[in-house]
PDB file of all heavy atoms in Angstrom:
ATOM      1  N   ILE A   1       0.841  -1.139   0.010  1.00  0.00           N
ATOM      2  CA  ILE A   1       0.033   0.046  -0.005  1.00  0.00           C
ATOM      3  C   ILE A   1       0.917   1.179   0.011  1.00  0.00           C
ATOM      4  O   ILE A   1       2.161   1.088   0.256  1.00  0.00           O
ATOM      5  CB  ILE A   1      -0.939   0.008   1.215  1.00  0.00           C
ATOM      6  CG1 ILE A   1      -0.153   0.101   2.484  1.00  0.00           C
ATOM      7  CG2 ILE A   1      -1.878  -1.220   1.243  1.00  0.00           C
ATOM      8  CD1 ILE A   1      -1.077   0.232   3.837  1.00  0.00           C
ATOM      9  N   ARG A   2       0.302   2.383  -0.295  1.00  0.00           N
ATOM     10  CA  ARG A   2       1.106   3.587  -0.295  1.00  0.00           C
ATOM     11  C   ARG A   2       0.370   4.713   0.391  1.00  0.00           C
ATOM     12  O   ARG A   2      -0.785   4.949   0.138  1.00  0.00           O
ATOM     13  CB  ARG A   2       1.465   4.027  -1.723  1.00  0.00           C
ATOM     14  CG  ARG A   2       2.500   5.172  -1.794  1.00  0.00           C
ATOM     15  CD  ARG A   2       2.814   5.499  -3.175  1.00  0.00           C
ATOM     16  NE  ARG A   2       3.964   6.449  -3.283  1.00  0.00           N
ATOM     17  CZ  ARG A   2       4.358   7.017  -4.384  1.00  0.00           C
ATOM     18  NH1 ARG A   2       3.914   6.757  -5.548  1.00  0.00           N
ATOM     19  NH2 ARG A   2       5.397   7.886  -4.379  1.00  0.00           N
ATOM     20  N   MET A   3       1.058   5.385   1.275  1.00  0.00           N
ATOM     21  CA  MET A   3       0.511   6.628   1.916  1.00  0.00           C
ATOM     22  C   MET A   3       1.203   7.843   1.279  1.00  0.00           C
ATOM     23  O   MET A   3       2.254   7.731   0.784  1.00  0.00           O
ATOM     24  CB  MET A   3       0.766   6.555   3.409  1.00  0.00           C
ATOM     25  CG  MET A   3       2.203   6.546   3.812  1.00  0.00           C
ATOM     26  SD  MET A   3       2.467   6.623   5.631  1.00  0.00           S
ATOM     27  CE  MET A   3       1.911   8.318   6.050  1.00  0.00           C
ATOM     28  N   ALA A   4       0.506   9.008   1.393  1.00  0.00           N
ATOM     29  CA  ALA A   4       1.191  10.223   0.913  1.00  0.00           C
ATOM     30  C   ALA A   4       2.243  10.656   1.912  1.00  0.00           C
ATOM     31  O   ALA A   4       2.156  10.541   3.189  1.00  0.00           O
ATOM     32  CB  ALA A   4       0.091  11.324   0.865  1.00  0.00           C
ATOM     33  N   GLY A   5       3.297  11.183   1.372  1.00  0.00           N
ATOM     34  CA  GLY A   5       4.348  11.668   2.166  1.00  0.00           C
ATOM     35  C   GLY A   5       5.724  11.628   1.538  1.00  0.00           C
ATOM     36  O   GLY A   5       5.840  11.067   0.465  1.00  0.00           O
ATOM     37  N   SER A   6       6.689  12.215   2.074  1.00  0.00           N
ATOM     38  CA  SER A   6       8.016  12.147   1.627  1.00  0.00           C
ATOM     39  C   SER A   6       9.050  12.200   2.837  1.00  0.00           C
ATOM     40  O   SER A   6       8.639  12.663   3.903  1.00  0.00           O
ATOM     41  CB  SER A   6       8.324  13.433   0.747  1.00  0.00           C
ATOM     42  OG  SER A   6       8.149  14.633   1.403  1.00  0.00           O
ATOM     43  N   ASN A   7      10.175  11.705   2.611  1.00  0.00           N
ATOM     44  CA  ASN A   7      11.253  11.699   3.633  1.00  0.00           C
ATOM     45  C   ASN A   7      10.737  10.954   4.878  1.00  0.00           C
ATOM     46  O   ASN A   7      11.117  11.317   6.009  1.00  0.00           O
ATOM     47  CB  ASN A   7      11.751  13.089   3.958  1.00  0.00           C
ATOM     48  CG  ASN A   7      12.394  13.774   2.865  1.00  0.00           C
ATOM     49  OD1 ASN A   7      13.141  13.248   2.067  1.00  0.00           O
ATOM     50  ND2 ASN A   7      12.082  15.128   2.763  1.00  0.00           N
ATOM     51  N   LEU A   8       9.921   9.961   4.652  1.00  0.00           N
ATOM     52  CA  LEU A   8       9.422   9.168   5.747  1.00  0.00           C
ATOM     53  C   LEU A   8      10.526   8.095   6.198  1.00  0.00           C
ATOM     54  O   LEU A   8      11.307   7.755   5.441  1.00  0.00           O
ATOM     55  CB  LEU A   8       8.173   8.355   5.307  1.00  0.00           C
ATOM     56  CG  LEU A   8       6.911   9.181   4.939  1.00  0.00           C
ATOM     57  CD1 LEU A   8       5.865   8.286   4.282  1.00  0.00           C
ATOM     58  CD2 LEU A   8       6.393   9.962   6.089  1.00  0.00           C
ATOM     59  N   ALA A   9      10.419   7.765   7.558  1.00  0.00           N
ATOM     60  CA  ALA A   9      11.347   6.835   8.037  1.00  0.00           C
ATOM     61  C   ALA A   9      11.102   5.456   7.401  1.00  0.00           C
ATOM     62  O   ALA A   9       9.922   5.039   7.244  1.00  0.00           O
ATOM     63  CB  ALA A   9      11.139   6.626   9.552  1.00  0.00           C
ATOM     64  N   ALA A  10      12.125   4.801   6.912  1.00  0.00           N
ATOM     65  CA  ALA A  10      11.971   3.520   6.222  1.00  0.00           C
ATOM     66  C   ALA A  10      12.874   2.464   6.818  1.00  0.00           C
ATOM     67  O   ALA A  10      13.951   2.825   7.392  1.00  0.00           O
ATOM     68  CB  ALA A  10      12.292   3.663   4.716  1.00  0.00           C
ATOM     69  N   VAL A  11      12.525   1.247   6.772  1.00  0.00           N
ATOM     70  CA  VAL A  11      13.300   0.146   7.367  1.00  0.00           C
ATOM     71  C   VAL A  11      14.471  -0.199   6.389  1.00  0.00           C
ATOM     72  O   VAL A  11      14.466   0.185   5.242  1.00  0.00           O
ATOM     73  CB  VAL A  11      12.462  -1.075   7.546  1.00  0.00           C
ATOM     74  CG1 VAL A  11      11.271  -0.818   8.576  1.00  0.00           C
ATOM     75  CG2 VAL A  11      11.912  -1.701   6.247  1.00  0.00           C
ATOM     76  N   SER A  12      15.393  -0.932   6.999  1.00  0.00           N
ATOM     77  CA  SER A  12      16.498  -1.574   6.185  1.00  0.00           C
ATOM     78  C   SER A  12      16.151  -2.997   6.053  1.00  0.00           C
ATOM     79  O   SER A  12      15.772  -3.750   7.024  1.00  0.00           O
ATOM     80  CB  SER A  12      17.805  -1.461   6.988  1.00  0.00           C
ATOM     81  OG  SER A  12      18.852  -2.086   6.252  1.00  0.00           O
ATOM     82  N   LEU A  13      16.124  -3.493   4.783  1.00  0.00           N
ATOM     83  CA  LEU A  13      15.819  -4.910   4.456  1.00  0.00           C
ATOM     84  C   LEU A  13      17.020  -5.846   4.519  1.00  0.00           C
ATOM     85  O   LEU A  13      18.081  -5.489   3.955  1.00  0.00           O
ATOM     86  CB  LEU A  13      15.156  -4.953   3.112  1.00  0.00           C
ATOM     87  CG  LEU A  13      13.831  -4.129   2.929  1.00  0.00           C
ATOM     88  CD1 LEU A  13      13.320  -4.300   1.527  1.00  0.00           C
ATOM     89  CD2 LEU A  13      12.770  -4.517   3.952  1.00  0.00           C
ATOM     90  N   GLY A  14      16.830  -6.883   5.243  1.00  0.00           N
ATOM     91  CA  GLY A  14      17.992  -7.847   5.315  1.00  0.00           C
ATOM     92  C   GLY A  14      18.054  -8.930   4.229  1.00  0.00           C
ATOM     93  O   GLY A  14      17.342  -8.737   3.175  1.00  0.00           O
ATOM     94  N   ASP A  15      18.722  -9.968   4.552  1.00  0.00           N
ATOM     95  CA  ASP A  15      18.839 -11.036   3.629  1.00  0.00           C
ATOM     96  C   ASP A  15      18.400 -12.349   4.307  1.00  0.00           C
ATOM     97  O   ASP A  15      19.127 -12.809   5.267  1.00  0.00           O
ATOM     98  CB  ASP A  15      20.280 -11.202   3.088  1.00  0.00           C
ATOM     99  CG  ASP A  15      20.452 -12.353   2.172  1.00  0.00           C
ATOM    100  OD1 ASP A  15      19.454 -13.078   1.796  1.00  0.00           O
ATOM    101  OD2 ASP A  15      21.583 -12.602   1.670  1.00  0.00           O
ATOM    102  N   SER A  16      17.250 -12.912   3.966  1.00  0.00           N
ATOM    103  CA  SER A  16      16.751 -14.040   4.721  1.00  0.00           C
ATOM    104  C   SER A  16      17.539 -15.264   4.440  1.00  0.00           C
ATOM    105  O   SER A  16      17.482 -16.282   5.239  1.00  0.00           O
ATOM    106  CB  SER A  16      15.283 -14.341   4.353  1.00  0.00           C
ATOM    107  OG  SER A  16      15.106 -14.472   2.936  1.00  0.00           O
ATOM    108  N   ARG A  17      18.430 -15.303   3.441  1.00  0.00           N
ATOM    109  CA  ARG A  17      19.315 -16.451   3.276  1.00  0.00           C
ATOM    110  C   ARG A  17      20.375 -16.569   4.401  1.00  0.00           C
ATOM    111  O   ARG A  17      21.008 -17.592   4.606  1.00  0.00           O
ATOM    112  CB  ARG A  17      20.054 -16.388   1.903  1.00  0.00           C
ATOM    113  CG  ARG A  17      19.102 -16.570   0.710  1.00  0.00           C
ATOM    114  CD  ARG A  17      19.910 -16.348  -0.593  1.00  0.00           C
ATOM    115  NE  ARG A  17      20.390 -14.978  -0.623  1.00  0.00           N
ATOM    116  CZ  ARG A  17      21.151 -14.485  -1.659  1.00  0.00           C
ATOM    117  NH1 ARG A  17      21.281 -15.280  -2.737  1.00  0.00           N
ATOM    118  NH2 ARG A  17      21.630 -13.262  -1.643  1.00  0.00           N
ATOM    119  N   ALA A  18      20.628 -15.436   5.094  1.00  0.00           N
ATOM    120  CA  ALA A  18      21.696 -15.412   6.108  1.00  0.00           C
ATOM    121  C   ALA A  18      21.072 -15.798   7.488  1.00  0.00           C
ATOM    122  O   ALA A  18      21.788 -15.783   8.562  1.00  0.00           O
ATOM    123  CB  ALA A  18      22.253 -13.998   6.187  1.00  0.00           C
ATOM    124  N   ILE A  19      19.764 -16.052   7.556  1.00  0.00           N
ATOM    125  CA  ILE A  19      19.124 -16.368   8.880  1.00  0.00           C
ATOM    126  C   ILE A  19      19.632 -17.721   9.340  1.00  0.00           C
ATOM    127  O   ILE A  19      19.785 -18.704   8.548  1.00  0.00           O
ATOM    128  CB  ILE A  19      17.594 -16.384   8.798  1.00  0.00           C
ATOM    129  CG1 ILE A  19      17.119 -15.020   8.297  1.00  0.00           C
ATOM    130  CG2 ILE A  19      16.968 -16.752  10.102  1.00  0.00           C
ATOM    131  CD1 ILE A  19      15.658 -15.008   7.960  1.00  0.00           C
ATOM    132  N   ARG A  20      19.796 -17.833  10.659  1.00  0.00           N
ATOM    133  CA  ARG A  20      20.215 -19.103  11.206  1.00  0.00           C
ATOM    134  C   ARG A  20      19.276 -19.471  12.414  1.00  0.00           C
ATOM    135  O   ARG A  20      18.912 -18.553  13.181  1.00  0.00           O
ATOM    136  CB  ARG A  20      21.704 -19.116  11.838  1.00  0.00           C
ATOM    137  CG  ARG A  20      22.716 -18.851  10.642  1.00  0.00           C
ATOM    138  CD  ARG A  20      22.807 -20.059   9.731  1.00  0.00           C
ATOM    139  NE  ARG A  20      23.773 -19.839   8.698  1.00  0.00           N
ATOM    140  CZ  ARG A  20      23.463 -19.390   7.469  1.00  0.00           C
ATOM    141  NH1 ARG A  20      22.214 -19.149   7.208  1.00  0.00           N
ATOM    142  NH2 ARG A  20      24.408 -19.304   6.547  1.00  0.00           N
ATOM    143  N   VAL A  21      18.979 -20.674  12.557  1.00  0.00           N
ATOM    144  CA  VAL A  21      18.222 -21.155  13.710  1.00  0.00           C
ATOM    145  C   VAL A  21      18.827 -20.810  14.954  1.00  0.00           C
ATOM    146  O   VAL A  21      20.067 -21.035  15.217  1.00  0.00           O
ATOM    147  CB  VAL A  21      17.932 -22.711  13.579  1.00  0.00           C
ATOM    148  CG1 VAL A  21      17.208 -23.150  14.892  1.00  0.00           C
ATOM    149  CG2 VAL A  21      17.089 -23.005  12.345  1.00  0.00           C
ATOM    150  N   GLY A  22      18.096 -20.239  15.947  1.00  0.00           N
ATOM    151  CA  GLY A  22      18.607 -19.844  17.201  1.00  0.00           C
ATOM    152  C   GLY A  22      18.946 -18.339  17.351  1.00  0.00           C
ATOM    153  O   GLY A  22      19.127 -17.852  18.423  1.00  0.00           O
ATOM    154  N   GLN A  23      18.990 -17.644  16.217  1.00  0.00           N
ATOM    155  CA  GLN A  23      19.355 -16.178  16.347  1.00  0.00           C
ATOM    156  C   GLN A  23      18.196 -15.386  16.790  1.00  0.00           C
ATOM    157  O   GLN A  23      17.016 -15.850  16.769  1.00  0.00           O
ATOM    158  CB  GLN A  23      19.788 -15.656  14.910  1.00  0.00           C
ATOM    159  CG  GLN A  23      18.678 -15.398  13.961  1.00  0.00           C
ATOM    160  CD  GLN A  23      19.188 -14.760  12.698  1.00  0.00           C
ATOM    161  OE1 GLN A  23      19.970 -15.354  11.874  1.00  0.00           O
ATOM    162  NE2 GLN A  23      18.807 -13.500  12.466  1.00  0.00           N
ATOM    163  N   LEU A  24      18.518 -14.210  17.303  1.00  0.00           N
ATOM    164  CA  LEU A  24      17.510 -13.371  17.898  1.00  0.00           C
ATOM    165  C   LEU A  24      16.461 -12.912  16.847  1.00  0.00           C
ATOM    166  O   LEU A  24      16.844 -12.579  15.684  1.00  0.00           O
ATOM    167  CB  LEU A  24      18.127 -12.094  18.477  1.00  0.00           C
ATOM    168  CG  LEU A  24      17.164 -11.019  19.071  1.00  0.00           C
ATOM    169  CD1 LEU A  24      16.512 -11.506  20.335  1.00  0.00           C
ATOM    170  CD2 LEU A  24      17.983  -9.731  19.340  1.00  0.00           C
ATOM    171  N   ALA A  25      15.238 -12.829  17.140  1.00  0.00           N
ATOM    172  CA  ALA A  25      14.186 -12.359  16.245  1.00  0.00           C
ATOM    173  C   ALA A  25      13.294 -11.443  17.104  1.00  0.00           C
ATOM    174  O   ALA A  25      12.778 -11.810  18.161  1.00  0.00           O
ATOM    175  CB  ALA A  25      13.418 -13.529  15.665  1.00  0.00           C
ATOM    176  N   VAL A  26      13.048 -10.178  16.557  1.00  0.00           N
ATOM    177  CA  VAL A  26      12.251  -9.249  17.227  1.00  0.00           C
ATOM    178  C   VAL A  26      11.019  -8.862  16.371  1.00  0.00           C
ATOM    179  O   VAL A  26      11.201  -8.516  15.170  1.00  0.00           O
ATOM    180  CB  VAL A  26      13.052  -7.912  17.427  1.00  0.00           C
ATOM    181  CG1 VAL A  26      12.092  -6.816  18.210  1.00  0.00           C
ATOM    182  CG2 VAL A  26      14.290  -8.172  18.317  1.00  0.00           C
ATOM    183  N   ALA A  27       9.786  -9.019  16.904  1.00  0.00           N
ATOM    184  CA  ALA A  27       8.578  -8.760  16.201  1.00  0.00           C
ATOM    185  C   ALA A  27       8.086  -7.440  16.676  1.00  0.00           C
ATOM    186  O   ALA A  27       7.991  -7.156  17.916  1.00  0.00           O
ATOM    187  CB  ALA A  27       7.546  -9.840  16.367  1.00  0.00           C
ATOM    188  N   ILE A  28       7.707  -6.588  15.686  1.00  0.00           N
ATOM    189  CA  ILE A  28       7.121  -5.213  16.036  1.00  0.00           C
ATOM    190  C   ILE A  28       5.829  -5.074  15.300  1.00  0.00           C
ATOM    191  O   ILE A  28       5.711  -5.424  14.076  1.00  0.00           O
ATOM    192  CB  ILE A  28       8.156  -4.104  15.561  1.00  0.00           C
ATOM    193  CG1 ILE A  28       9.497  -4.334  16.233  1.00  0.00           C
ATOM    194  CG2 ILE A  28       7.605  -2.780  16.022  1.00  0.00           C
ATOM    195  CD1 ILE A  28      10.576  -3.397  15.706  1.00  0.00           C
TER     196      ILE A  28
END
């Protein structure tokens, strides 16, 4: 979806191939 705005805070996307079982995961 898209909201109106500019210069909004945006996340940094990781690489799910680098995920390992047991590593920390934070849900927001």
